[in-house]
Amino acid sequence: MATQMIAVGDVNLMNVAAGEEPFALMRGALAAAAIRFGNLECCLYDPPDGRAVEHEGFFADPEIAGRALKAADFDALGLANNVNYGEAAIEGSIARLAALGIAHTGAGPHARAAHAPALVERDGLTFGFLQRSSVYWPTNHEAGESSTGIAVIRAHTAYQVPMHKTRPEIPPLNRPGIPPEILTWADPLYLRRFRDDVARLREAADIVVASCHWGLFREVLHYMREIAHAAIEAGADVVVGHGPHYALPIEAYRGKPIFYGLGSFSFHTGHGGRRHGDWLGMMASLSWEGRQLRDAAFRFVRHDAQNRTVLCPLAAEGPACDEIAKTSAAFGTRLLPRGEEVAIALPG
């Protein structure tokens, strides 16, 4: 019998007035899976001096947001991202999740706890989740040996004048004003620790899920592929990415799926208190028979006027599906429409 897991992108429950609302129309789809995982893009914390969304305070009412997460039956959530910030907020979120019985990974009172996996037992299988963020604030955000924070993989940026004509649109070097190419790469020390953590989890879990908060707009940057490939090589069964709030391409690497960006799953209020527009997200569905991955697919999701996440008919998302299929094909990955979902062709 197959064991199904659902993985979703960013879940931000700021300004949600009723815990039953955000996922009221998704309960059937979520309940069909044995296990559910997502990225918690808010803090379950009430600041004693009030909230200031214009200053990036991503605070959700702990009681209301907690009821929403419980109503959606989340089994595990990742906390390593750019908005889980500050000792009180992070520890408040962890305490609330513990009270709800929802496992977490990616943040903690010190680096050892922040790097620890979340383990969930289902159908005789142990699912292990690890989350890291490459998008975080430069001060007091990364967990230290004795300081609260999140688990990160540092990445670097360089700007290089193109010395060779690698693409038709690049002008020759004799043109004044030629734009630079942007190079990114993962920090070797951080990447090595991540590899080691994934390999260690591989020994303790039947299914290993690597979750990464990363990205800039719609491009899959080099450091993202570097991290994703490292995770698969170290033993991960699937990589799920999130952060840019766009649905990004998918790669099948060594027969394992990499979702570079699942987009938003529930996101009412964004940076500066601005309400998010008509975002498009992806709900990934993966099925295992024992430890063997048998199927990987996704469905598109959006939100309605009441900020309820809704499943989208595939026919209504033709342009988006075509674009993701085209960009995924650049990685050698075929996407196959199948009813209301899109299946991922997994080699082997």
C-alpha atoms as a PDB file:
ATOM      1  CA  MET A   1       0.000   0.000   0.000  1.00  0.00           C
ATOM      2  CA  ALA A   2       1.381   3.414  -0.976  1.00  0.00           C
ATOM      3  CA  THR A   3       2.101   6.104   1.606  1.00  0.00           C
ATOM      4  CA  GLN A   4       1.357   9.604   0.332  1.00  0.00           C
ATOM      5  CA  MET A   5       3.017  12.816   1.478  1.00  0.00           C
ATOM      6  CA  ILE A   6       1.902  16.339   0.624  1.00  0.00           C
ATOM      7  CA  ALA A   7       4.452  19.173   0.670  1.00  0.00           C
ATOM      8  CA  VAL A   8       3.482  22.831   0.319  1.00  0.00           C
ATOM      9  CA  GLY A   9       5.277  26.148   0.165  1.00  0.00           C
ATOM     10  CA  ASP A  10       4.937  29.274   2.279  1.00  0.00           C
ATOM     11  CA  VAL A  11       2.263  29.388   4.977  1.00  0.00           C
ATOM     12  CA  ASN A  12       1.811  32.892   6.400  1.00  0.00           C
ATOM     13  CA  LEU A  13      -1.175  33.310   8.710  1.00  0.00           C
ATOM     14  CA  MET A  14      -0.827  36.978   9.616  1.00  0.00           C
ATOM     15  CA  ASN A  15      -4.145  38.835   9.935  1.00  0.00           C
ATOM     16  CA  VAL A  16      -6.174  35.618   9.756  1.00  0.00           C
ATOM     17  CA  ALA A  17      -9.324  36.220  11.782  1.00  0.00           C
ATOM     18  CA  ALA A  18     -10.653  32.680  12.114  1.00  0.00           C
ATOM     19  CA  GLY A  19      -8.579  29.522  12.366  1.00  0.00           C
ATOM     20  CA  GLU A  20     -11.095  27.485  10.404  1.00  0.00           C
ATOM     21  CA  GLU A  21     -10.950  29.660   7.292  1.00  0.00           C
ATOM     22  CA  PRO A  22      -7.573  29.410   5.463  1.00  0.00           C
ATOM     23  CA  PHE A  23      -7.724  25.664   4.717  1.00  0.00           C
ATOM     24  CA  ALA A  24     -11.472  25.037   4.901  1.00  0.00           C
ATOM     25  CA  LEU A  25     -11.620  24.147   1.190  1.00  0.00           C
ATOM     26  CA  MET A  26      -8.485  21.984   1.296  1.00  0.00           C
ATOM     27  CA  ARG A  27      -9.320  19.551   4.073  1.00  0.00           C
ATOM     28  CA  GLY A  28     -10.318  16.718   1.770  1.00  0.00           C
ATOM     29  CA  ALA A  29      -7.190  17.009  -0.357  1.00  0.00           C
ATOM     30  CA  LEU A  30      -4.913  17.294   2.678  1.00  0.00           C
ATOM     31  CA  ALA A  31      -6.631  14.431   4.501  1.00  0.00           C
ATOM     32  CA  ALA A  32      -5.965  12.129   1.532  1.00  0.00           C
ATOM     33  CA  ALA A  33      -2.265  12.073   2.444  1.00  0.00           C
ATOM     34  CA  ALA A  34      -0.695  10.234   5.346  1.00  0.00           C
ATOM     35  CA  ILE A  35       1.681  13.109   6.121  1.00  0.00           C
ATOM     36  CA  ARG A  36       1.766  16.857   5.443  1.00  0.00           C
ATOM     37  CA  PHE A  37       4.735  19.269   5.507  1.00  0.00           C
ATOM     38  CA  GLY A  38       5.105  22.994   4.806  1.00  0.00           C
ATOM     39  CA  ASN A  39       7.198  26.109   5.432  1.00  0.00           C
ATOM     40  CA  LEU A  40       5.858  28.288   8.266  1.00  0.00           C
ATOM     41  CA  GLU A  41       6.443  31.814   6.987  1.00  0.00           C
ATOM     42  CA  CYS A  42       5.325  33.608  10.154  1.00  0.00           C
ATOM     43  CA  CYS A  43       5.944  33.599  13.897  1.00  0.00           C
ATOM     44  CA  LEU A  44       3.268  32.240  16.238  1.00  0.00           C
ATOM     45  CA  TYR A  45       3.891  35.039  18.690  1.00  0.00           C
ATOM     46  CA  ASP A  46       2.168  38.092  20.159  1.00  0.00           C
ATOM     47  CA  PRO A  47       4.785  40.806  20.838  1.00  0.00           C
ATOM     48  CA  PRO A  48       4.116  42.477  24.208  1.00  0.00           C
ATOM     49  CA  ASP A  49       4.618  45.920  22.648  1.00  0.00           C
ATOM     50  CA  GLY A  50       2.276  45.255  19.726  1.00  0.00           C
ATOM     51  CA  ARG A  51       2.835  44.498  16.057  1.00  0.00           C
ATOM     52  CA  ALA A  52       4.410  46.676  13.386  1.00  0.00           C
ATOM     53  CA  VAL A  53       4.015  45.021  10.004  1.00  0.00           C
ATOM     54  CA  GLU A  54       5.721  47.973   8.307  1.00  0.00           C
ATOM     55  CA  HIS A  55       8.873  46.888  10.154  1.00  0.00           C
ATOM     56  CA  GLU A  56       8.724  43.308   8.911  1.00  0.00           C
ATOM     57  CA  GLY A  57       7.110  41.820  11.991  1.00  0.00           C
ATOM     58  CA  PHE A  58       5.582  38.615  10.596  1.00  0.00           C
ATOM     59  CA  PHE A  59       3.537  37.808  13.707  1.00  0.00           C
ATOM     60  CA  ALA A  60       0.418  35.642  13.588  1.00  0.00           C
ATOM     61  CA  ASP A  61      -1.993  35.213  16.469  1.00  0.00           C
ATOM     62  CA  PRO A  62      -0.738  32.036  18.190  1.00  0.00           C
ATOM     63  CA  GLU A  63      -4.211  30.738  19.012  1.00  0.00           C
ATOM     64  CA  ILE A  64      -5.922  31.478  15.693  1.00  0.00           C
ATOM     65  CA  ALA A  65      -2.955  30.474  13.542  1.00  0.00           C
ATOM     66  CA  GLY A  66      -2.447  27.379  15.652  1.00  0.00           C
ATOM     67  CA  ARG A  67      -6.045  26.307  15.042  1.00  0.00           C
ATOM     68  CA  ALA A  68      -5.548  26.814  11.303  1.00  0.00           C
ATOM     69  CA  LEU A  69      -2.431  24.637  11.249  1.00  0.00           C
ATOM     70  CA  LYS A  70      -4.175  21.967  13.279  1.00  0.00           C
ATOM     71  CA  ALA A  71      -7.248  22.088  11.035  1.00  0.00           C
ATOM     72  CA  ALA A  72      -4.965  21.445   8.063  1.00  0.00           C
ATOM     73  CA  ASP A  73      -3.421  18.466   9.910  1.00  0.00           C
ATOM     74  CA  PHE A  74       0.170  19.553   9.370  1.00  0.00           C
ATOM     75  CA  ASP A  75       2.493  16.910  10.793  1.00  0.00           C
ATOM     76  CA  ALA A  76       5.744  18.872  10.475  1.00  0.00           C
ATOM     77  CA  LEU A  77       6.740  22.430   9.591  1.00  0.00           C
ATOM     78  CA  GLY A  78      10.007  24.101   8.658  1.00  0.00           C
ATOM     79  CA  LEU A  79      11.036  27.286  10.472  1.00  0.00           C
ATOM     80  CA  ALA A  80      14.286  28.157   8.690  1.00  0.00           C
ATOM     81  CA  ASN A  81      13.358  31.250   6.690  1.00  0.00           C
ATOM     82  CA  ASN A  82      13.777  35.013   6.647  1.00  0.00           C
ATOM     83  CA  VAL A  83      10.806  35.884   8.885  1.00  0.00           C
ATOM     84  CA  ASN A  84      11.359  33.509  11.804  1.00  0.00           C
ATOM     85  CA  TYR A  85      13.552  36.039  13.576  1.00  0.00           C
ATOM     86  CA  GLY A  86      14.234  36.961  17.182  1.00  0.00           C
ATOM     87  CA  GLU A  87      14.653  34.840  20.297  1.00  0.00           C
ATOM     88  CA  ALA A  88      11.201  35.432  21.778  1.00  0.00           C
ATOM     89  CA  ALA A  89       9.380  34.988  18.464  1.00  0.00           C
ATOM     90  CA  ILE A  90      11.210  31.791  17.491  1.00  0.00           C
ATOM     91  CA  GLU A  91      10.889  30.204  20.914  1.00  0.00           C
ATOM     92  CA  GLY A  92       7.223  31.245  21.067  1.00  0.00           C
ATOM     93  CA  SER A  93       6.569  29.534  17.727  1.00  0.00           C
ATOM     94  CA  ILE A  94       8.336  26.371  18.846  1.00  0.00           C
ATOM     95  CA  ALA A  95       6.379  26.260  22.099  1.00  0.00           C
ATOM     96  CA  ARG A  96       3.064  26.698  20.287  1.00  0.00           C
ATOM     97  CA  LEU A  97       3.894  23.959  17.763  1.00  0.00           C
ATOM     98  CA  ALA A  98       4.890  21.641  20.601  1.00  0.00           C
ATOM     99  CA  ALA A  99       1.542  22.259  22.307  1.00  0.00           C
ATOM    100  CA  LEU A 100      -0.215  21.438  19.012  1.00  0.00           C
ATOM    101  CA  GLY A 101       1.791  18.236  18.549  1.00  0.00           C
ATOM    102  CA  ILE A 102       3.342  19.489  15.265  1.00  0.00           C
ATOM    103  CA  ALA A 103       6.992  18.605  14.701  1.00  0.00           C
ATOM    104  CA  HIS A 104       9.401  21.300  13.526  1.00  0.00           C
ATOM    105  CA  THR A 105      12.862  21.668  12.035  1.00  0.00           C
ATOM    106  CA  GLY A 106      15.163  24.551  11.132  1.00  0.00           C
ATOM    107  CA  ALA A 107      15.132  26.723  14.269  1.00  0.00           C
ATOM    108  CA  GLY A 108      15.968  26.394  17.933  1.00  0.00           C
ATOM    109  CA  PRO A 109      17.613  27.847  21.042  1.00  0.00           C
ATOM    110  CA  HIS A 110      21.060  26.886  19.719  1.00  0.00           C
ATOM    111  CA  ALA A 111      22.659  25.555  16.546  1.00  0.00           C
ATOM    112  CA  ARG A 112      22.406  21.908  17.538  1.00  0.00           C
ATOM    113  CA  ALA A 113      18.643  22.157  17.978  1.00  0.00           C
ATOM    114  CA  ALA A 114      18.178  24.315  14.865  1.00  0.00           C
ATOM    115  CA  HIS A 115      19.992  21.748  12.703  1.00  0.00           C
ATOM    116  CA  ALA A 116      18.080  18.795  14.151  1.00  0.00           C
ATOM    117  CA  PRO A 117      15.565  16.979  11.936  1.00  0.00           C
ATOM    118  CA  ALA A 118      11.853  16.523  12.528  1.00  0.00           C
ATOM    119  CA  LEU A 119      10.891  12.845  12.636  1.00  0.00           C
ATOM    120  CA  VAL A 120       7.361  11.587  11.962  1.00  0.00           C
ATOM    121  CA  GLU A 121       6.192   7.950  11.934  1.00  0.00           C
ATOM    122  CA  ARG A 122       3.550   6.868   9.403  1.00  0.00           C
ATOM    123  CA  ASP A 123       2.546   3.472   8.031  1.00  0.00           C
ATOM    124  CA  GLY A 124       5.584   1.858   9.582  1.00  0.00           C
ATOM    125  CA  LEU A 125       7.911   4.397   7.920  1.00  0.00           C
ATOM    126  CA  THR A 126      10.012   7.112   9.526  1.00  0.00           C
ATOM    127  CA  PHE A 127       9.918  10.407   7.627  1.00  0.00           C
ATOM    128  CA  GLY A 128      12.805  12.753   8.375  1.00  0.00           C
ATOM    129  CA  PHE A 129      12.669  16.461   7.524  1.00  0.00           C
ATOM    130  CA  LEU A 130      15.564  18.938   7.436  1.00  0.00           C
ATOM    131  CA  GLN A 131      15.151  22.627   6.583  1.00  0.00           C
ATOM    132  CA  ARG A 132      17.777  25.258   5.848  1.00  0.00           C
ATOM    133  CA  SER A 133      17.566  28.875   4.679  1.00  0.00           C
ATOM    134  CA  SER A 134      19.941  30.784   2.420  1.00  0.00           C
ATOM    135  CA  VAL A 135      17.762  33.889   2.774  1.00  0.00           C
ATOM    136  CA  TYR A 136      18.235  35.410   6.224  1.00  0.00           C
ATOM    137  CA  TRP A 137      19.311  38.576   8.011  1.00  0.00           C
ATOM    138  CA  PRO A 138      23.055  39.112   8.545  1.00  0.00           C
ATOM    139  CA  THR A 139      22.828  39.828  12.284  1.00  0.00           C
ATOM    140  CA  ASN A 140      21.399  37.739  15.132  1.00  0.00           C
ATOM    141  CA  HIS A 141      19.456  35.431  12.823  1.00  0.00           C
ATOM    142  CA  GLU A 142      21.620  32.360  12.309  1.00  0.00           C
ATOM    143  CA  ALA A 143      21.550  30.038  15.317  1.00  0.00           C
ATOM    144  CA  GLY A 144      24.811  30.075  17.268  1.00  0.00           C
ATOM    145  CA  GLU A 145      26.322  27.596  19.674  1.00  0.00           C
ATOM    146  CA  SER A 146      24.356  29.194  22.495  1.00  0.00           C
ATOM    147  CA  SER A 147      22.022  31.635  20.745  1.00  0.00           C
ATOM    148  CA  THR A 148      18.533  31.216  19.301  1.00  0.00           C
ATOM    149  CA  GLY A 149      18.146  31.337  15.527  1.00  0.00           C
ATOM    150  CA  ILE A 150      17.634  29.358  12.352  1.00  0.00           C
ATOM    151  CA  ALA A 151      19.716  26.784  10.471  1.00  0.00           C
ATOM    152  CA  VAL A 152      21.277  28.275   7.343  1.00  0.00           C
ATOM    153  CA  ILE A 153      23.377  27.503   4.308  1.00  0.00           C
ATOM    154  CA  ARG A 154      25.308  30.647   3.497  1.00  0.00           C
ATOM    155  CA  ALA A 155      25.528  31.516  -0.207  1.00  0.00           C
ATOM    156  CA  HIS A 156      27.666  34.070  -2.031  1.00  0.00           C
ATOM    157  CA  THR A 157      27.263  36.423  -4.987  1.00  0.00           C
ATOM    158  CA  ALA A 158      29.804  37.730  -7.489  1.00  0.00           C
ATOM    159  CA  TYR A 159      29.470  39.930 -10.587  1.00  0.00           C
ATOM    160  CA  GLN A 160      31.586  39.006 -13.589  1.00  0.00           C
ATOM    161  CA  VAL A 161      32.016  40.731 -16.930  1.00  0.00           C
ATOM    162  CA  PRO A 162      31.378  37.966 -19.506  1.00  0.00           C
ATOM    163  CA  MET A 163      34.673  37.245 -21.238  1.00  0.00           C
ATOM    164  CA  HIS A 164      33.192  34.613 -23.525  1.00  0.00           C
ATOM    165  CA  LYS A 165      30.077  34.525 -25.665  1.00  0.00           C
ATOM    166  CA  THR A 166      28.167  31.752 -23.903  1.00  0.00           C
ATOM    167  CA  ARG A 167      24.709  32.833 -25.094  1.00  0.00           C
ATOM    168  CA  PRO A 168      23.518  34.474 -28.347  1.00  0.00           C
ATOM    169  CA  GLU A 169      22.154  37.532 -26.538  1.00  0.00           C
ATOM    170  CA  ILE A 170      25.480  38.394 -24.885  1.00  0.00           C
ATOM    171  CA  PRO A 171      27.183  41.253 -26.792  1.00  0.00           C
ATOM    172  CA  PRO A 172      30.917  41.115 -27.501  1.00  0.00           C
ATOM    173  CA  LEU A 173      33.340  42.392 -24.910  1.00  0.00           C
ATOM    174  CA  ASN A 174      34.175  45.502 -26.987  1.00  0.00           C
ATOM    175  CA  ARG A 175      30.797  47.092 -26.184  1.00  0.00           C
ATOM    176  CA  PRO A 176      30.902  49.717 -23.399  1.00  0.00           C
ATOM    177  CA  GLY A 177      28.139  49.133 -20.846  1.00  0.00           C
ATOM    178  CA  ILE A 178      28.004  45.369 -21.218  1.00  0.00           C
ATOM    179  CA  PRO A 179      26.085  44.037 -18.178  1.00  0.00           C
ATOM    180  CA  PRO A 180      27.775  41.653 -15.758  1.00  0.00           C
ATOM    181  CA  GLU A 181      26.795  38.056 -15.204  1.00  0.00           C
ATOM    182  CA  ILE A 182      25.643  37.196 -11.691  1.00  0.00           C
ATOM    183  CA  LEU A 183      27.360  34.193 -10.144  1.00  0.00           C
ATOM    184  CA  THR A 184      26.143  32.443  -6.982  1.00  0.00           C
ATOM    185  CA  TRP A 185      27.522  29.516  -5.020  1.00  0.00           C
ATOM    186  CA  ALA A 186      26.972  27.817  -1.691  1.00  0.00           C
ATOM    187  CA  ASP A 187      29.588  28.289   1.003  1.00  0.00           C
ATOM    188  CA  PRO A 188      31.665  25.064   1.049  1.00  0.00           C
ATOM    189  CA  LEU A 189      31.753  24.735   4.849  1.00  0.00           C
ATOM    190  CA  TYR A 190      27.993  25.179   5.214  1.00  0.00           C
ATOM    191  CA  LEU A 191      27.334  22.835   2.302  1.00  0.00           C
ATOM    192  CA  ARG A 192      29.558  20.159   3.839  1.00  0.00           C
ATOM    193  CA  ARG A 193      27.664  20.356   7.127  1.00  0.00           C
ATOM    194  CA  PHE A 194      24.386  20.056   5.247  1.00  0.00           C
ATOM    195  CA  ARG A 195      25.634  16.992   3.388  1.00  0.00           C
ATOM    196  CA  ASP A 196      26.695  15.438   6.674  1.00  0.00           C
ATOM    197  CA  ASP A 197      23.323  16.197   8.285  1.00  0.00           C
ATOM    198  CA  VAL A 198      21.433  14.649   5.367  1.00  0.00           C
ATOM    199  CA  ALA A 199      23.666  11.559   5.391  1.00  0.00           C
ATOM    200  CA  ARG A 200      23.183  11.174   9.154  1.00  0.00           C
ATOM    201  CA  LEU A 201      19.419  11.476   8.754  1.00  0.00           C
ATOM    202  CA  ARG A 202      19.541   8.894   5.941  1.00  0.00           C
ATOM    203  CA  GLU A 203      20.715   6.366   8.539  1.00  0.00           C
ATOM    204  CA  ALA A 204      17.842   7.177  10.913  1.00  0.00           C
ATOM    205  CA  ALA A 205      14.884   7.636   8.555  1.00  0.00           C
ATOM    206  CA  ASP A 206      13.241   5.638   5.781  1.00  0.00           C
ATOM    207  CA  ILE A 207      12.271   8.764   3.814  1.00  0.00           C
ATOM    208  CA  VAL A 208      14.432  11.916   3.856  1.00  0.00           C
ATOM    209  CA  VAL A 209      12.983  15.285   2.842  1.00  0.00           C
ATOM    210  CA  ALA A 210      15.329  18.256   2.401  1.00  0.00           C
ATOM    211  CA  SER A 211      13.547  21.617   2.535  1.00  0.00           C
ATOM    212  CA  CYS A 212      15.254  24.851   1.437  1.00  0.00           C
ATOM    213  CA  HIS A 213      14.290  28.516   1.695  1.00  0.00           C
ATOM    214  CA  TRP A 214      16.098  30.297  -1.139  1.00  0.00           C
ATOM    215  CA  GLY A 215      15.750  32.077  -4.466  1.00  0.00           C
ATOM    216  CA  LEU A 216      15.239  35.444  -6.118  1.00  0.00           C
ATOM    217  CA  PHE A 217      12.213  36.036  -8.331  1.00  0.00           C
ATOM    218  CA  ARG A 218      11.699  33.327 -10.975  1.00  0.00           C
ATOM    219  CA  GLU A 219      15.264  32.241 -11.714  1.00  0.00           C
ATOM    220  CA  VAL A 220      16.775  29.003 -10.458  1.00  0.00           C
ATOM    221  CA  LEU A 221      20.198  30.235  -9.386  1.00  0.00           C
ATOM    222  CA  HIS A 222      23.348  28.130  -9.441  1.00  0.00           C
ATOM    223  CA  TYR A 223      23.632  27.894  -5.657  1.00  0.00           C
ATOM    224  CA  MET A 224      20.110  26.468  -5.473  1.00  0.00           C
ATOM    225  CA  ARG A 225      20.988  23.617  -7.839  1.00  0.00           C
ATOM    226  CA  GLU A 226      24.256  23.095  -6.001  1.00  0.00           C
ATOM    227  CA  ILE A 227      22.466  22.667  -2.664  1.00  0.00           C
ATOM    228  CA  ALA A 228      19.684  20.522  -4.134  1.00  0.00           C
ATOM    229  CA  HIS A 229      22.095  18.172  -5.899  1.00  0.00           C
ATOM    230  CA  ALA A 230      24.178  17.885  -2.726  1.00  0.00           C
ATOM    231  CA  ALA A 231      21.081  16.865  -0.771  1.00  0.00           C
ATOM    232  CA  ILE A 232      20.153  14.129  -3.257  1.00  0.00           C
ATOM    233  CA  GLU A 233      23.755  12.899  -3.429  1.00  0.00           C
ATOM    234  CA  ALA A 234      23.857  12.674   0.371  1.00  0.00           C
ATOM    235  CA  GLY A 235      20.672  10.579   0.493  1.00  0.00           C
ATOM    236  CA  ALA A 236      17.604  12.827   0.302  1.00  0.00           C
ATOM    237  CA  ASP A 237      14.561  11.355  -1.444  1.00  0.00           C
ATOM    238  CA  VAL A 238      13.069  14.716  -2.407  1.00  0.00           C
ATOM    239  CA  VAL A 239      13.989  18.406  -2.185  1.00  0.00           C
ATOM    240  CA  VAL A 240      11.254  21.005  -1.695  1.00  0.00           C
ATOM    241  CA  GLY A 241      12.073  24.685  -2.162  1.00  0.00           C
ATOM    242  CA  HIS A 242      10.208  27.849  -1.246  1.00  0.00           C
ATOM    243  CA  GLY A 243      10.839  31.533  -0.740  1.00  0.00           C
ATOM    244  CA  PRO A 244      10.355  33.568  -3.941  1.00  0.00           C
ATOM    245  CA  HIS A 245       6.502  33.168  -3.890  1.00  0.00           C
ATOM    246  CA  TYR A 246       6.537  31.880  -7.461  1.00  0.00           C
ATOM    247  CA  ALA A 247       5.915  28.416  -8.850  1.00  0.00           C
ATOM    248  CA  LEU A 248       9.344  27.404 -10.168  1.00  0.00           C
ATOM    249  CA  PRO A 249      10.694  24.587 -12.362  1.00  0.00           C
ATOM    250  CA  ILE A 250      11.137  20.982 -11.291  1.00  0.00           C
ATOM    251  CA  GLU A 251      14.188  18.821 -11.837  1.00  0.00           C
ATOM    252  CA  ALA A 252      14.444  15.034 -11.629  1.00  0.00           C
ATOM    253  CA  TYR A 253      18.021  14.439 -10.451  1.00  0.00           C
ATOM    254  CA  ARG A 254      19.194  10.853 -10.087  1.00  0.00           C
ATOM    255  CA  GLY A 255      15.546   9.841 -10.257  1.00  0.00           C
ATOM    256  CA  LYS A 256      14.594  12.085  -7.299  1.00  0.00           C
ATOM    257  CA  PRO A 257      12.379  15.190  -7.657  1.00  0.00           C
ATOM    258  CA  ILE A 258      13.544  18.698  -6.824  1.00  0.00           C
ATOM    259  CA  PHE A 259      10.773  21.288  -6.520  1.00  0.00           C
ATOM    260  CA  TYR A 260      12.726  24.535  -6.780  1.00  0.00           C
ATOM    261  CA  GLY A 261       9.789  26.681  -5.696  1.00  0.00           C
ATOM    262  CA  LEU A 262       6.351  25.632  -4.491  1.00  0.00           C
ATOM    263  CA  GLY A 263       5.234  29.252  -4.167  1.00  0.00           C
ATOM    264  CA  SER A 264       2.643  30.247  -1.590  1.00  0.00           C
ATOM    265  CA  PHE A 265       0.125  27.937   0.019  1.00  0.00           C
ATOM    266  CA  SER A 266      -1.465  30.559   2.276  1.00  0.00           C
ATOM    267  CA  PHE A 267      -0.149  34.111   2.295  1.00  0.00           C
ATOM    268  CA  HIS A 268      -2.436  36.963   3.302  1.00  0.00           C
ATOM    269  CA  THR A 269      -0.022  39.761   4.233  1.00  0.00           C
ATOM    270  CA  GLY A 270       3.489  40.337   2.933  1.00  0.00           C
ATOM    271  CA  HIS A 271       6.388  42.677   3.605  1.00  0.00           C
ATOM    272  CA  GLY A 272       5.452  46.138   4.782  1.00  0.00           C
ATOM    273  CA  GLY A 273       1.917  44.999   5.571  1.00  0.00           C
ATOM    274  CA  ARG A 274       0.998  44.797   1.895  1.00  0.00           C
ATOM    275  CA  ARG A 275      -1.662  42.300   0.952  1.00  0.00           C
ATOM    276  CA  HIS A 276      -0.448  39.715  -1.525  1.00  0.00           C
ATOM    277  CA  GLY A 277      -2.091  39.524  -4.919  1.00  0.00           C
ATOM    278  CA  ASP A 278      -3.390  36.588  -6.898  1.00  0.00           C
ATOM    279  CA  TRP A 279      -0.467  34.289  -6.168  1.00  0.00           C
ATOM    280  CA  LEU A 280      -0.068  30.864  -7.722  1.00  0.00           C
ATOM    281  CA  GLY A 281       1.300  27.967  -5.686  1.00  0.00           C
ATOM    282  CA  MET A 282       1.912  24.258  -6.075  1.00  0.00           C
ATOM    283  CA  MET A 283       0.884  21.413  -3.801  1.00  0.00           C
ATOM    284  CA  ALA A 284       3.322  18.541  -4.287  1.00  0.00           C
ATOM    285  CA  SER A 285       2.143  14.967  -3.836  1.00  0.00           C
ATOM    286  CA  LEU A 286       4.583  12.074  -3.476  1.00  0.00           C
ATOM    287  CA  SER A 287       3.855   8.378  -2.933  1.00  0.00           C
ATOM    288  CA  TRP A 288       6.139   5.657  -1.615  1.00  0.00           C
ATOM    289  CA  GLU A 289       5.769   1.918  -1.445  1.00  0.00           C
ATOM    290  CA  GLY A 290       8.034   1.117   1.432  1.00  0.00           C
ATOM    291  CA  ARG A 291      11.168   3.160   0.809  1.00  0.00           C
ATOM    292  CA  GLN A 292      10.657   3.251  -2.961  1.00  0.00           C
ATOM    293  CA  LEU A 293       9.331   6.476  -4.469  1.00  0.00           C
ATOM    294  CA  ARG A 294       6.607   5.464  -6.921  1.00  0.00           C
ATOM    295  CA  ASP A 295       4.989   8.730  -7.962  1.00  0.00           C
ATOM    296  CA  ALA A 296       5.532  12.485  -7.838  1.00  0.00           C
ATOM    297  CA  ALA A 297       3.045  15.098  -9.016  1.00  0.00           C
ATOM    298  CA  PHE A 298       1.601  18.487  -8.157  1.00  0.00           C
ATOM    299  CA  ARG A 299      -1.571  20.534  -8.339  1.00  0.00           C
ATOM    300  CA  PHE A 300      -1.877  24.293  -8.642  1.00  0.00           C
ATOM    301  CA  VAL A 301      -3.432  26.304  -5.823  1.00  0.00           C
ATOM    302  CA  ARG A 302      -4.544  29.913  -5.434  1.00  0.00           C
ATOM    303  CA  HIS A 303      -6.613  31.799  -2.853  1.00  0.00           C
ATOM    304  CA  ASP A 304     -10.083  33.308  -2.937  1.00  0.00           C
ATOM    305  CA  ALA A 305     -11.450  36.616  -1.635  1.00  0.00           C
ATOM    306  CA  GLN A 306     -11.757  35.132   1.875  1.00  0.00           C
ATOM    307  CA  ASN A 307      -8.060  34.108   1.806  1.00  0.00           C
ATOM    308  CA  ARG A 308      -9.002  30.437   1.559  1.00  0.00           C
ATOM    309  CA  THR A 309      -6.593  28.224  -0.354  1.00  0.00           C
ATOM    310  CA  VAL A 310      -8.326  26.590  -3.327  1.00  0.00           C
ATOM    311  CA  LEU A 311      -7.360  23.893  -5.819  1.00  0.00           C
ATOM    312  CA  CYS A 312      -7.195  25.156  -9.405  1.00  0.00           C
ATOM    313  CA  PRO A 313      -8.603  23.294 -12.418  1.00  0.00           C
ATOM    314  CA  LEU A 314      -5.615  22.437 -14.570  1.00  0.00           C
ATOM    315  CA  ALA A 315      -7.354  23.739 -17.688  1.00  0.00           C
ATOM    316  CA  ALA A 316      -7.518  27.195 -16.102  1.00  0.00           C
ATOM    317  CA  GLU A 317      -3.746  27.293 -15.534  1.00  0.00           C
ATOM    318  CA  GLY A 318      -2.601  26.438 -19.068  1.00  0.00           C
ATOM    319  CA  PRO A 319      -0.061  29.282 -19.478  1.00  0.00           C
ATOM    320  CA  ALA A 320       1.480  28.633 -16.065  1.00  0.00           C
ATOM    321  CA  CYS A 321       1.664  24.903 -16.713  1.00  0.00           C
ATOM    322  CA  ASP A 322       3.266  25.465 -20.115  1.00  0.00           C
ATOM    323  CA  GLU A 323       5.877  27.803 -18.637  1.00  0.00           C
ATOM    324  CA  ILE A 324       6.822  25.388 -15.849  1.00  0.00           C
ATOM    325  CA  ALA A 325       6.976  22.517 -18.345  1.00  0.00           C
ATOM    326  CA  LYS A 326       9.274  24.575 -20.592  1.00  0.00           C
ATOM    327  CA  THR A 327      11.636  25.651 -17.820  1.00  0.00           C
ATOM    328  CA  SER A 328      11.674  22.147 -16.325  1.00  0.00           C
ATOM    329  CA  ALA A 329      12.554  20.707 -19.740  1.00  0.00           C
ATOM    330  CA  ALA A 330      15.730  22.801 -19.639  1.00  0.00           C
ATOM    331  CA  PHE A 331      16.770  20.512 -16.755  1.00  0.00           C
ATOM    332  CA  GLY A 332      15.834  17.430 -18.746  1.00  0.00           C
ATOM    333  CA  THR A 333      12.584  16.897 -16.822  1.00  0.00           C
ATOM    334  CA  ARG A 334       9.288  15.968 -18.460  1.00  0.00           C
ATOM    335  CA  LEU A 335       5.974  17.031 -16.929  1.00  0.00           C
ATOM    336  CA  LEU A 336       2.866  15.068 -17.909  1.00  0.00           C
ATOM    337  CA  PRO A 337      -0.695  16.381 -17.413  1.00  0.00           C
ATOM    338  CA  ARG A 338      -2.751  13.724 -15.637  1.00  0.00           C
ATOM    339  CA  GLY A 339      -6.332  14.647 -14.894  1.00  0.00           C
ATOM    340  CA  GLU A 340      -6.256  17.723 -12.640  1.00  0.00           C
ATOM    341  CA  GLU A 341      -2.635  17.202 -11.636  1.00  0.00           C
ATOM    342  CA  VAL A 342       0.750  17.262 -13.351  1.00  0.00           C
ATOM    343  CA  ALA A 343       2.952  14.178 -13.022  1.00  0.00           C
ATOM    344  CA  ILE A 344       6.748  14.265 -13.009  1.00  0.00           C
ATOM    345  CA  ALA A 345       8.525  11.693 -15.145  1.00  0.00           C
ATOM    346  CA  LEU A 346      11.097  10.066 -12.841  1.00  0.00           C
ATOM    347  CA  PRO A 347      13.867   8.232 -14.712  1.00  0.00           C
ATOM    348  CA  GLY A 348      14.346   4.654 -13.507  1.00  0.00           C
END
